[in-house]
Amino acid sequence: MTENDDNAGEPAELVRLYNDGATIQSLAQRYGLSYQKVRTILLASAVTLRPPKIQLPPTPPGLVNAYLAGRSIRQLADIHGMSYNQTRRILLAEGVDLRPRGRQ
């Protein structure tokens, strides 16, 4: 971090930088936070997240509800014939709060 980052990681600073065009990933790397932590802070600050730059396929019917009912991302990827990362990105784009790894 630099001298100008005295309030680094504070919600207002993250919101300002995100609204100025920074990505969630770049903010996470800059402040040593997880992607999920930055995303959660932005959502809690009522920020409307930009759509992902990677074109995602339409959300398969029942995907979100199956995840919320306890299915893992890996299980859903297998069921719907998608990669783990693609399934994860779809869930995030749908606004789902992901569970910590290893928890069902």
PDB file of N, CA and C in Angstrom:
ATOM      1  N   MET A   1       0.836  -1.195   0.000  1.00  0.00           N
ATOM      2  CA  MET A   1       0.000   0.000   0.000  1.00  0.00           C
ATOM      3  C   MET A   1       0.872   1.247   0.000  1.00  0.00           C
ATOM      4  N   THR A   2       0.320   2.297  -0.497  1.00  0.00           N
ATOM      5  CA  THR A   2       1.065   3.540  -0.568  1.00  0.00           C
ATOM      6  C   THR A   2       0.601   4.491   0.521  1.00  0.00           C
ATOM      7  N   GLU A   3       1.296   5.620   0.632  1.00  0.00           N
ATOM      8  CA  GLU A   3       0.918   6.610   1.642  1.00  0.00           C
ATOM      9  C   GLU A   3      -0.514   7.108   1.433  1.00  0.00           C
ATOM     10  N   ASN A   4      -0.961   7.155   0.187  1.00  0.00           N
ATOM     11  CA  ASN A   4      -2.302   7.649  -0.104  1.00  0.00           C
ATOM     12  C   ASN A   4      -3.393   6.645   0.247  1.00  0.00           C
ATOM     13  N   ASP A   5      -2.996   5.483   0.704  1.00  0.00           N
ATOM     14  CA  ASP A   5      -3.961   4.441   1.019  1.00  0.00           C
ATOM     15  C   ASP A   5      -4.231   4.336   2.516  1.00  0.00           C
ATOM     16  N   ASP A   6      -4.167   5.450   3.233  1.00  0.00           N
ATOM     17  CA  ASP A   6      -4.364   5.429   4.678  1.00  0.00           C
ATOM     18  C   ASP A   6      -5.710   4.832   5.069  1.00  0.00           C
ATOM     19  N   ASN A   7      -6.736   5.101   4.274  1.00  0.00           N
ATOM     20  CA  ASN A   7      -8.062   4.570   4.588  1.00  0.00           C
ATOM     21  C   ASN A   7      -8.375   3.357   3.729  1.00  0.00           C
ATOM     22  N   ALA A   8      -7.322   2.633   3.326  1.00  0.00           N
ATOM     23  CA  ALA A   8      -7.476   1.463   2.477  1.00  0.00           C
ATOM     24  C   ALA A   8      -8.411   0.446   3.117  1.00  0.00           C
ATOM     25  N   GLY A   9      -9.281  -0.073   2.311  1.00  0.00           N
ATOM     26  CA  GLY A   9     -10.174  -1.111   2.777  1.00  0.00           C
ATOM     27  C   GLY A   9     -11.420  -0.590   3.446  1.00  0.00           C
ATOM     28  N   GLU A  10     -11.494   0.713   3.709  1.00  0.00           N
ATOM     29  CA  GLU A  10     -12.718   1.262   4.282  1.00  0.00           C
ATOM     30  C   GLU A  10     -13.790   1.226   3.201  1.00  0.00           C
ATOM     31  N   PRO A  11     -15.016   0.951   3.580  1.00  0.00           N
ATOM     32  CA  PRO A  11     -16.079   0.837   2.577  1.00  0.00           C
ATOM     33  C   PRO A  11     -16.164   2.029   1.628  1.00  0.00           C
ATOM     34  N   ALA A  12     -16.079   3.247   2.146  1.00  0.00           N
ATOM     35  CA  ALA A  12     -16.209   4.425   1.282  1.00  0.00           C
ATOM     36  C   ALA A  12     -15.105   4.469   0.234  1.00  0.00           C
ATOM     37  N   GLU A  13     -13.901   4.096   0.615  1.00  0.00           N
ATOM     38  CA  GLU A  13     -12.778   4.098  -0.321  1.00  0.00           C
ATOM     39  C   GLU A  13     -12.960   3.012  -1.378  1.00  0.00           C
ATOM     40  N   LEU A  14     -13.389   1.829  -0.956  1.00  0.00           N
ATOM     41  CA  LEU A  14     -13.627   0.747  -1.914  1.00  0.00           C
ATOM     42  C   LEU A  14     -14.733   1.127  -2.896  1.00  0.00           C
ATOM     43  N   VAL A  15     -15.800   1.738  -2.384  1.00  0.00           N
ATOM     44  CA  VAL A  15     -16.909   2.167  -3.236  1.00  0.00           C
ATOM     45  C   VAL A  15     -16.427   3.205  -4.239  1.00  0.00           C
ATOM     46  N   ARG A  16     -15.654   4.179  -3.764  1.00  0.00           N
ATOM     47  CA  ARG A  16     -15.160   5.232  -4.656  1.00  0.00           C
ATOM     48  C   ARG A  16     -14.305   4.650  -5.777  1.00  0.00           C
ATOM     49  N   LEU A  17     -13.379   3.781  -5.417  1.00  0.00           N
ATOM     50  CA  LEU A  17     -12.496   3.193  -6.416  1.00  0.00           C
ATOM     51  C   LEU A  17     -13.262   2.308  -7.395  1.00  0.00           C
ATOM     52  N   TYR A  18     -14.207   1.530  -6.878  1.00  0.00           N
ATOM     53  CA  TYR A  18     -15.011   0.674  -7.754  1.00  0.00           C
ATOM     54  C   TYR A  18     -15.820   1.531  -8.727  1.00  0.00           C
ATOM     55  N   ASN A  19     -16.448   2.584  -8.213  1.00  0.00           N
ATOM     56  CA  ASN A  19     -17.236   3.472  -9.071  1.00  0.00           C
ATOM     57  C   ASN A  19     -16.367   4.220 -10.073  1.00  0.00           C
ATOM     58  N   ASP A  20     -15.078   4.368  -9.762  1.00  0.00           N
ATOM     59  CA  ASP A  20     -14.148   5.001 -10.687  1.00  0.00           C
ATOM     60  C   ASP A  20     -13.604   4.014 -11.721  1.00  0.00           C
ATOM     61  N   GLY A  21     -14.039   2.742 -11.638  1.00  0.00           N
ATOM     62  CA  GLY A  21     -13.662   1.770 -12.662  1.00  0.00           C
ATOM     63  C   GLY A  21     -12.795   0.618 -12.212  1.00  0.00           C
ATOM     64  N   ALA A  22     -12.351   0.615 -10.963  1.00  0.00           N
ATOM     65  CA  ALA A  22     -11.535  -0.505 -10.477  1.00  0.00           C
ATOM     66  C   ALA A  22     -12.387  -1.770 -10.442  1.00  0.00           C
ATOM     67  N   THR A  23     -11.750  -2.903 -10.661  1.00  0.00           N
ATOM     68  CA  THR A  23     -12.464  -4.177 -10.585  1.00  0.00           C
ATOM     69  C   THR A  23     -12.433  -4.698  -9.152  1.00  0.00           C
ATOM     70  N   ILE A  24     -13.342  -5.593  -8.844  1.00  0.00           N
ATOM     71  CA  ILE A  24     -13.350  -6.218  -7.518  1.00  0.00           C
ATOM     72  C   ILE A  24     -12.027  -6.945  -7.293  1.00  0.00           C
ATOM     73  N   GLN A  25     -11.567  -7.661  -8.333  1.00  0.00           N
ATOM     74  CA  GLN A  25     -10.320  -8.412  -8.218  1.00  0.00           C
ATOM     75  C   GLN A  25      -9.138  -7.481  -7.941  1.00  0.00           C
ATOM     76  N   SER A  26      -9.083  -6.343  -8.630  1.00  0.00           N
ATOM     77  CA  SER A  26      -7.956  -5.428  -8.414  1.00  0.00           C
ATOM     78  C   SER A  26      -8.000  -4.821  -7.015  1.00  0.00           C
ATOM     79  N   LEU A  27      -9.193  -4.533  -6.511  1.00  0.00           N
ATOM     80  CA  LEU A  27      -9.315  -4.004  -5.146  1.00  0.00           C
ATOM     81  C   LEU A  27      -8.902  -5.055  -4.122  1.00  0.00           C
ATOM     82  N   ALA A  28      -9.301  -6.295  -4.352  1.00  0.00           N
ATOM     83  CA  ALA A  28      -8.922  -7.375  -3.434  1.00  0.00           C
ATOM     84  C   ALA A  28      -7.403  -7.510  -3.371  1.00  0.00           C
ATOM     85  N   GLN A  29      -6.759  -7.489  -4.527  1.00  0.00           N
ATOM     86  CA  GLN A  29      -5.298  -7.607  -4.560  1.00  0.00           C
ATOM     87  C   GLN A  29      -4.634  -6.384  -3.928  1.00  0.00           C
ATOM     88  N   ARG A  30      -5.135  -5.214  -4.227  1.00  0.00           N
ATOM     89  CA  ARG A  30      -4.540  -3.975  -3.724  1.00  0.00           C
ATOM     90  C   ARG A  30      -4.553  -3.908  -2.207  1.00  0.00           C
ATOM     91  N   TYR A  31      -5.655  -4.352  -1.585  1.00  0.00           N
ATOM     92  CA  TYR A  31      -5.797  -4.214  -0.137  1.00  0.00           C
ATOM     93  C   TYR A  31      -5.650  -5.523   0.643  1.00  0.00           C
ATOM     94  N   GLY A  32      -5.251  -6.587  -0.051  1.00  0.00           N
ATOM     95  CA  GLY A  32      -5.029  -7.855   0.633  1.00  0.00           C
ATOM     96  C   GLY A  32      -6.303  -8.468   1.189  1.00  0.00           C
ATOM     97  N   LEU A  33      -7.412  -8.255   0.490  1.00  0.00           N
ATOM     98  CA  LEU A  33      -8.704  -8.815   0.895  1.00  0.00           C
ATOM     99  C   LEU A  33      -9.103  -9.899  -0.095  1.00  0.00           C
ATOM    100  N   SER A  34     -10.042 -10.736   0.295  1.00  0.00           N
ATOM    101  CA  SER A  34     -10.550 -11.722  -0.643  1.00  0.00           C
ATOM    102  C   SER A  34     -11.537 -11.054  -1.599  1.00  0.00           C
ATOM    103  N   TYR A  35     -11.719 -11.665  -2.748  1.00  0.00           N
ATOM    104  CA  TYR A  35     -12.696 -11.181  -3.730  1.00  0.00           C
ATOM    105  C   TYR A  35     -14.063 -11.097  -3.070  1.00  0.00           C
ATOM    106  N   GLN A  36     -14.431 -12.160  -2.347  1.00  0.00           N
ATOM    107  CA  GLN A  36     -15.745 -12.224  -1.694  1.00  0.00           C
ATOM    108  C   GLN A  36     -15.920 -11.104  -0.670  1.00  0.00           C
ATOM    109  N   LYS A  37     -14.856 -10.786   0.090  1.00  0.00           N
ATOM    110  CA  LYS A  37     -14.928  -9.720   1.095  1.00  0.00           C
ATOM    111  C   LYS A  37     -15.198  -8.369   0.435  1.00  0.00           C
ATOM    112  N   VAL A  38     -14.467  -8.066  -0.641  1.00  0.00           N
ATOM    113  CA  VAL A  38     -14.674  -6.796  -1.344  1.00  0.00           C
ATOM    114  C   VAL A  38     -16.082  -6.750  -1.917  1.00  0.00           C
ATOM    115  N   ARG A  39     -16.523  -7.840  -2.528  1.00  0.00           N
ATOM    116  CA  ARG A  39     -17.865  -7.907  -3.104  1.00  0.00           C
ATOM    117  C   ARG A  39     -18.925  -7.685  -2.034  1.00  0.00           C
ATOM    118  N   THR A  40     -18.755  -8.319  -0.890  1.00  0.00           N
ATOM    119  CA  THR A  40     -19.703  -8.182   0.213  1.00  0.00           C
ATOM    120  C   THR A  40     -19.759  -6.735   0.712  1.00  0.00           C
ATOM    121  N   ILE A  41     -18.602  -6.094   0.832  1.00  0.00           N
ATOM    122  CA  ILE A  41     -18.548  -4.691   1.278  1.00  0.00           C
ATOM    123  C   ILE A  41     -19.281  -3.798   0.278  1.00  0.00           C
ATOM    124  N   LEU A  42     -19.029  -4.009  -1.008  1.00  0.00           N
ATOM    125  CA  LEU A  42     -19.689  -3.200  -2.034  1.00  0.00           C
ATOM    126  C   LEU A  42     -21.207  -3.387  -2.005  1.00  0.00           C
ATOM    127  N   LEU A  43     -21.656  -4.629  -1.895  1.00  0.00           N
ATOM    128  CA  LEU A  43     -23.097  -4.890  -1.852  1.00  0.00           C
ATOM    129  C   LEU A  43     -23.732  -4.295  -0.596  1.00  0.00           C
ATOM    130  N   ALA A  44     -23.033  -4.385   0.536  1.00  0.00           N
ATOM    131  CA  ALA A  44     -23.553  -3.816   1.781  1.00  0.00           C
ATOM    132  C   ALA A  44     -23.609  -2.293   1.712  1.00  0.00           C
ATOM    133  N   SER A  45     -22.803  -1.709   0.817  1.00  0.00           N
ATOM    134  CA  SER A  45     -22.806  -0.262   0.626  1.00  0.00           C
ATOM    135  C   SER A  45     -23.773   0.167  -0.469  1.00  0.00           C
ATOM    136  N   ALA A  46     -24.636  -0.748  -0.881  1.00  0.00           N
ATOM    137  CA  ALA A  46     -25.683  -0.502  -1.883  1.00  0.00           C
ATOM    138  C   ALA A  46     -25.120  -0.139  -3.261  1.00  0.00           C
ATOM    139  N   VAL A  47     -23.948  -0.681  -3.590  1.00  0.00           N
ATOM    140  CA  VAL A  47     -23.367  -0.465  -4.915  1.00  0.00           C
ATOM    141  C   VAL A  47     -24.006  -1.453  -5.889  1.00  0.00           C
ATOM    142  N   THR A  48     -24.370  -0.963  -7.058  1.00  0.00           N
ATOM    143  CA  THR A  48     -24.846  -1.848  -8.122  1.00  0.00           C
ATOM    144  C   THR A  48     -23.620  -2.349  -8.863  1.00  0.00           C
ATOM    145  N   LEU A  49     -23.388  -3.661  -8.798  1.00  0.00           N
ATOM    146  CA  LEU A  49     -22.205  -4.230  -9.418  1.00  0.00           C
ATOM    147  C   LEU A  49     -22.346  -4.246 -10.934  1.00  0.00           C
ATOM    148  N   ARG A  50     -21.228  -3.990 -11.612  1.00  0.00           N
ATOM    149  CA  ARG A  50     -21.209  -4.049 -13.067  1.00  0.00           C
ATOM    150  C   ARG A  50     -21.345  -5.500 -13.510  1.00  0.00           C
ATOM    151  N   PRO A  51     -21.943  -5.736 -14.674  1.00  0.00           N
ATOM    152  CA  PRO A  51     -22.025  -7.117 -15.156  1.00  0.00           C
ATOM    153  C   PRO A  51     -20.634  -7.646 -15.478  1.00  0.00           C
ATOM    154  N   PRO A  52     -20.453  -8.954 -15.377  1.00  0.00           N
ATOM    155  CA  PRO A  52     -19.136  -9.516 -15.677  1.00  0.00           C
ATOM    156  C   PRO A  52     -18.765  -9.263 -17.136  1.00  0.00           C
ATOM    157  N   LYS A  53     -17.469  -9.083 -17.394  1.00  0.00           N
ATOM    158  CA  LYS A  53     -17.007  -8.856 -18.759  1.00  0.00           C
ATOM    159  C   LYS A  53     -17.032 -10.145 -19.566  1.00  0.00           C
ATOM    160  N   ILE A  54     -16.933 -11.264 -18.875  1.00  0.00           N
ATOM    161  CA  ILE A  54     -16.987 -12.555 -19.545  1.00  0.00           C
ATOM    162  C   ILE A  54     -18.454 -12.872 -19.808  1.00  0.00           C
ATOM    163  N   GLN A  55     -18.765 -13.159 -21.071  1.00  0.00           N
ATOM    164  CA  GLN A  55     -20.142 -13.488 -21.414  1.00  0.00           C
ATOM    165  C   GLN A  55     -20.503 -14.819 -20.768  1.00  0.00           C
ATOM    166  N   LEU A  56     -21.545 -14.810 -19.977  1.00  0.00           N
ATOM    167  CA  LEU A  56     -21.996 -16.028 -19.308  1.00  0.00           C
ATOM    168  C   LEU A  56     -23.208 -16.592 -20.035  1.00  0.00           C
ATOM    169  N   PRO A  57     -23.352 -17.911 -20.008  1.00  0.00           N
ATOM    170  CA  PRO A  57     -24.561 -18.492 -20.594  1.00  0.00           C
ATOM    171  C   PRO A  57     -25.758 -18.166 -19.711  1.00  0.00           C
ATOM    172  N   PRO A  58     -26.968 -18.359 -20.228  1.00  0.00           N
ATOM    173  CA  PRO A  58     -28.138 -18.139 -19.378  1.00  0.00           C
ATOM    174  C   PRO A  58     -28.070 -19.054 -18.151  1.00  0.00           C
ATOM    175  N   THR A  59     -28.602 -18.568 -17.060  1.00  0.00           N
ATOM    176  CA  THR A  59     -28.605 -19.365 -15.833  1.00  0.00           C
ATOM    177  C   THR A  59     -29.547 -20.555 -16.005  1.00  0.00           C
ATOM    178  N   PRO A  60     -29.020 -21.780 -15.846  1.00  0.00           N
ATOM    179  CA  PRO A  60     -29.890 -22.947 -15.975  1.00  0.00           C
ATOM    180  C   PRO A  60     -31.002 -22.911 -14.925  1.00  0.00           C
ATOM    181  N   PRO A  61     -32.211 -23.317 -15.309  1.00  0.00           N
ATOM    182  CA  PRO A  61     -33.315 -23.340 -14.344  1.00  0.00           C
ATOM    183  C   PRO A  61     -32.962 -24.191 -13.125  1.00  0.00           C
ATOM    184  N   GLY A  62     -33.230 -23.665 -11.963  1.00  0.00           N
ATOM    185  CA  GLY A  62     -33.013 -24.402 -10.724  1.00  0.00           C
ATOM    186  C   GLY A  62     -31.606 -24.334 -10.174  1.00  0.00           C
ATOM    187  N   LEU A  63     -30.672 -23.734 -10.886  1.00  0.00           N
ATOM    188  CA  LEU A  63     -29.269 -23.700 -10.435  1.00  0.00           C
ATOM    189  C   LEU A  63     -29.143 -22.988  -9.096  1.00  0.00           C
ATOM    190  N   VAL A  64     -29.684 -21.795  -9.000  1.00  0.00           N
ATOM    191  CA  VAL A  64     -29.558 -21.003  -7.768  1.00  0.00           C
ATOM    192  C   VAL A  64     -30.253 -21.716  -6.616  1.00  0.00           C
ATOM    193  N   ASN A  65     -31.469 -22.189  -6.838  1.00  0.00           N
ATOM    194  CA  ASN A  65     -32.200 -22.874  -5.766  1.00  0.00           C
ATOM    195  C   ASN A  65     -31.491 -24.146  -5.312  1.00  0.00           C
ATOM    196  N   ALA A  66     -30.884 -24.880  -6.246  1.00  0.00           N
ATOM    197  CA  ALA A  66     -30.147 -26.097  -5.876  1.00  0.00           C
ATOM    198  C   ALA A  66     -28.939 -25.742  -5.016  1.00  0.00           C
ATOM    199  N   TYR A  67     -28.246 -24.648  -5.353  1.00  0.00           N
ATOM    200  CA  TYR A  67     -27.098 -24.226  -4.544  1.00  0.00           C
ATOM    201  C   TYR A  67     -27.573 -23.813  -3.150  1.00  0.00           C
ATOM    202  N   LEU A  68     -28.637 -23.028  -3.108  1.00  0.00           N
ATOM    203  CA  LEU A  68     -29.153 -22.570  -1.815  1.00  0.00           C
ATOM    204  C   LEU A  68     -29.677 -23.724  -0.971  1.00  0.00           C
ATOM    205  N   ALA A  69     -30.082 -24.814  -1.633  1.00  0.00           N
ATOM    206  CA  ALA A  69     -30.577 -25.996  -0.919  1.00  0.00           C
ATOM    207  C   ALA A  69     -29.436 -26.901  -0.450  1.00  0.00           C
ATOM    208  N   GLY A  70     -28.184 -26.556  -0.808  1.00  0.00           N
ATOM    209  CA  GLY A  70     -27.061 -27.319  -0.270  1.00  0.00           C
ATOM    210  C   GLY A  70     -26.158 -27.993  -1.277  1.00  0.00           C
ATOM    211  N   ARG A  71     -26.513 -27.993  -2.562  1.00  0.00           N
ATOM    212  CA  ARG A  71     -25.627 -28.594  -3.562  1.00  0.00           C
ATOM    213  C   ARG A  71     -24.343 -27.785  -3.649  1.00  0.00           C
ATOM    214  N   SER A  72     -23.258 -28.457  -3.974  1.00  0.00           N
ATOM    215  CA  SER A  72     -21.972 -27.767  -4.113  1.00  0.00           C
ATOM    216  C   SER A  72     -21.837 -27.211  -5.531  1.00  0.00           C
ATOM    217  N   ILE A  73     -20.936 -26.284  -5.698  1.00  0.00           N
ATOM    218  CA  ILE A  73     -20.692 -25.725  -7.029  1.00  0.00           C
ATOM    219  C   ILE A  73     -20.215 -26.830  -7.962  1.00  0.00           C
ATOM    220  N   ARG A  74     -19.347 -27.696  -7.465  1.00  0.00           N
ATOM    221  CA  ARG A  74     -18.838 -28.803  -8.288  1.00  0.00           C
ATOM    222  C   ARG A  74     -19.969 -29.719  -8.732  1.00  0.00           C
ATOM    223  N   GLN A  75     -20.885 -30.047  -7.816  1.00  0.00           N
ATOM    224  CA  GLN A  75     -22.023 -30.897  -8.178  1.00  0.00           C
ATOM    225  C   GLN A  75     -22.875 -30.230  -9.259  1.00  0.00           C
ATOM    226  N   LEU A  76     -23.122 -28.935  -9.078  1.00  0.00           N
ATOM    227  CA  LEU A  76     -23.941 -28.208 -10.050  1.00  0.00           C
ATOM    228  C   LEU A  76     -23.245 -28.110 -11.405  1.00  0.00           C
ATOM    229  N   ALA A  77     -21.939 -27.932 -11.394  1.00  0.00           N
ATOM    230  CA  ALA A  77     -21.187 -27.885 -12.650  1.00  0.00           C
ATOM    231  C   ALA A  77     -21.332 -29.202 -13.396  1.00  0.00           C
ATOM    232  N   ASP A  78     -21.207 -30.310 -12.681  1.00  0.00           N
ATOM    233  CA  ASP A  78     -21.355 -31.635 -13.302  1.00  0.00           C
ATOM    234  C   ASP A  78     -22.765 -31.846 -13.837  1.00  0.00           C
ATOM    235  N   ILE A  79     -23.759 -31.478 -13.050  1.00  0.00           N
ATOM    236  CA  ILE A  79     -25.155 -31.657 -13.448  1.00  0.00           C
ATOM    237  C   ILE A  79     -25.479 -30.877 -14.716  1.00  0.00           C
ATOM    238  N   HIS A  80     -24.970 -29.652 -14.804  1.00  0.00           N
ATOM    239  CA  HIS A  80     -25.329 -28.757 -15.909  1.00  0.00           C
ATOM    240  C   HIS A  80     -24.289 -28.722 -17.035  1.00  0.00           C
ATOM    241  N   GLY A  81     -23.261 -29.564 -16.933  1.00  0.00           N
ATOM    242  CA  GLY A  81     -22.270 -29.654 -18.000  1.00  0.00           C
ATOM    243  C   GLY A  81     -21.443 -28.387 -18.182  1.00  0.00           C
ATOM    244  N   MET A  82     -21.121 -27.746 -17.067  1.00  0.00           N
ATOM    245  CA  MET A  82     -20.322 -26.519 -17.115  1.00  0.00           C
ATOM    246  C   MET A  82     -19.069 -26.715 -16.278  1.00  0.00           C
ATOM    247  N   SER A  83     -18.127 -25.788 -16.414  1.00  0.00           N
ATOM    248  CA  SER A  83     -16.932 -25.833 -15.579  1.00  0.00           C
ATOM    249  C   SER A  83     -17.270 -25.290 -14.193  1.00  0.00           C
ATOM    250  N   TYR A  84     -16.414 -25.601 -13.239  1.00  0.00           N
ATOM    251  CA  TYR A  84     -16.581 -25.095 -11.876  1.00  0.00           C
ATOM    252  C   TYR A  84     -16.595 -23.567 -11.890  1.00  0.00           C
ATOM    253  N   ASN A  85     -15.605 -22.964 -12.578  1.00  0.00           N
ATOM    254  CA  ASN A  85     -15.491 -21.505 -12.583  1.00  0.00           C
ATOM    255  C   ASN A  85     -16.687 -20.838 -13.247  1.00  0.00           C
ATOM    256  N   GLN A  86     -17.169 -21.414 -14.330  1.00  0.00           N
ATOM    257  CA  GLN A  86     -18.333 -20.850 -15.008  1.00  0.00           C
ATOM    258  C   GLN A  86     -19.556 -20.904 -14.095  1.00  0.00           C
ATOM    259  N   THR A  87     -19.743 -22.020 -13.416  1.00  0.00           N
ATOM    260  CA  THR A  87     -20.870 -22.167 -12.495  1.00  0.00           C
ATOM    261  C   THR A  87     -20.755 -21.168 -11.357  1.00  0.00           C
ATOM    262  N   ARG A  88     -19.563 -21.008 -10.823  1.00  0.00           N
ATOM    263  CA  ARG A  88     -19.328 -20.046  -9.733  1.00  0.00           C
ATOM    264  C   ARG A  88     -19.634 -18.623 -10.195  1.00  0.00           C
ATOM    265  N   ARG A  89     -19.160 -18.263 -11.397  1.00  0.00           N
ATOM    266  CA  ARG A  89     -19.409 -16.917 -11.919  1.00  0.00           C
ATOM    267  C   ARG A  89     -20.902 -16.666 -12.126  1.00  0.00           C
ATOM    268  N   ILE A  90     -21.629 -17.678 -12.577  1.00  0.00           N
ATOM    269  CA  ILE A  90     -23.075 -17.523 -12.761  1.00  0.00           C
ATOM    270  C   ILE A  90     -23.745 -17.271 -11.416  1.00  0.00           C
ATOM    271  N   LEU A  91     -23.372 -18.041 -10.401  1.00  0.00           N
ATOM    272  CA  LEU A  91     -23.964 -17.844  -9.079  1.00  0.00           C
ATOM    273  C   LEU A  91     -23.668 -16.439  -8.554  1.00  0.00           C
ATOM    274  N   LEU A  92     -22.438 -15.976  -8.722  1.00  0.00           N
ATOM    275  CA  LEU A  92     -22.087 -14.625  -8.280  1.00  0.00           C
ATOM    276  C   LEU A  92     -22.875 -13.579  -9.061  1.00  0.00           C
ATOM    277  N   ALA A  93     -23.015 -13.786 -10.369  1.00  0.00           N
ATOM    278  CA  ALA A  93     -23.768 -12.836 -11.193  1.00  0.00           C
ATOM    279  C   ALA A  93     -25.239 -12.796 -10.790  1.00  0.00           C
ATOM    280  N   GLU A  94     -25.738 -13.894 -10.251  1.00  0.00           N
ATOM    281  CA  GLU A  94     -27.127 -13.966  -9.776  1.00  0.00           C
ATOM    282  C   GLU A  94     -27.274 -13.373  -8.371  1.00  0.00           C
ATOM    283  N   GLY A  95     -26.161 -12.946  -7.778  1.00  0.00           N
ATOM    284  CA  GLY A  95     -26.209 -12.309  -6.463  1.00  0.00           C
ATOM    285  C   GLY A  95     -26.188 -13.255  -5.283  1.00  0.00           C
ATOM    286  N   VAL A  96     -25.788 -14.498  -5.519  1.00  0.00           N
ATOM    287  CA  VAL A  96     -25.749 -15.493  -4.444  1.00  0.00           C
ATOM    288  C   VAL A  96     -24.523 -15.257  -3.565  1.00  0.00           C
ATOM    289  N   ASP A  97     -24.711 -15.297  -2.256  1.00  0.00           N
ATOM    290  CA  ASP A  97     -23.586 -15.268  -1.320  1.00  0.00           C
ATOM    291  C   ASP A  97     -23.060 -16.686  -1.202  1.00  0.00           C
ATOM    292  N   LEU A  98     -21.829 -16.892  -1.668  1.00  0.00           N
ATOM    293  CA  LEU A  98     -21.266 -18.234  -1.679  1.00  0.00           C
ATOM    294  C   LEU A  98     -20.857 -18.676  -0.282  1.00  0.00           C
ATOM    295  N   ARG A  99     -21.030 -19.965  -0.037  1.00  0.00           N
ATOM    296  CA  ARG A  99     -20.591 -20.551   1.235  1.00  0.00           C
ATOM    297  C   ARG A  99     -19.072 -20.680   1.233  1.00  0.00           C
ATOM    298  N   PRO A 100     -18.454 -20.697   2.420  1.00  0.00           N
ATOM    299  CA  PRO A 100     -17.002 -20.947   2.476  1.00  0.00           C
ATOM    300  C   PRO A 100     -16.693 -22.327   1.898  1.00  0.00           C
ATOM    301  N   ARG A 101     -15.506 -22.471   1.353  1.00  0.00           N
ATOM    302  CA  ARG A 101     -15.109 -23.766   0.792  1.00  0.00           C
ATOM    303  C   ARG A 101     -15.191 -24.866   1.836  1.00  0.00           C
ATOM    304  N   GLY A 102     -15.600 -26.044   1.366  1.00  0.00           N
ATOM    305  CA  GLY A 102     -15.651 -27.205   2.244  1.00  0.00           C
ATOM    306  C   GLY A 102     -16.896 -27.287   3.093  1.00  0.00           C
ATOM    307  N   ARG A 103     -17.792 -26.318   2.964  1.00  0.00           N
ATOM    308  CA  ARG A 103     -19.042 -26.350   3.736  1.00  0.00           C
ATOM    309  C   ARG A 103     -20.210 -26.548   2.798  1.00  0.00           C
ATOM    310  N   GLN A 104     -21.148 -27.356   3.215  1.00  0.00           N
ATOM    311  CA  GLN A 104     -22.305 -27.605   2.359  1.00  0.00           C
ATOM    312  C   GLN A 104     -23.568 -27.132   2.956  1.00  0.00           C
TER     313      GLN A 104
END
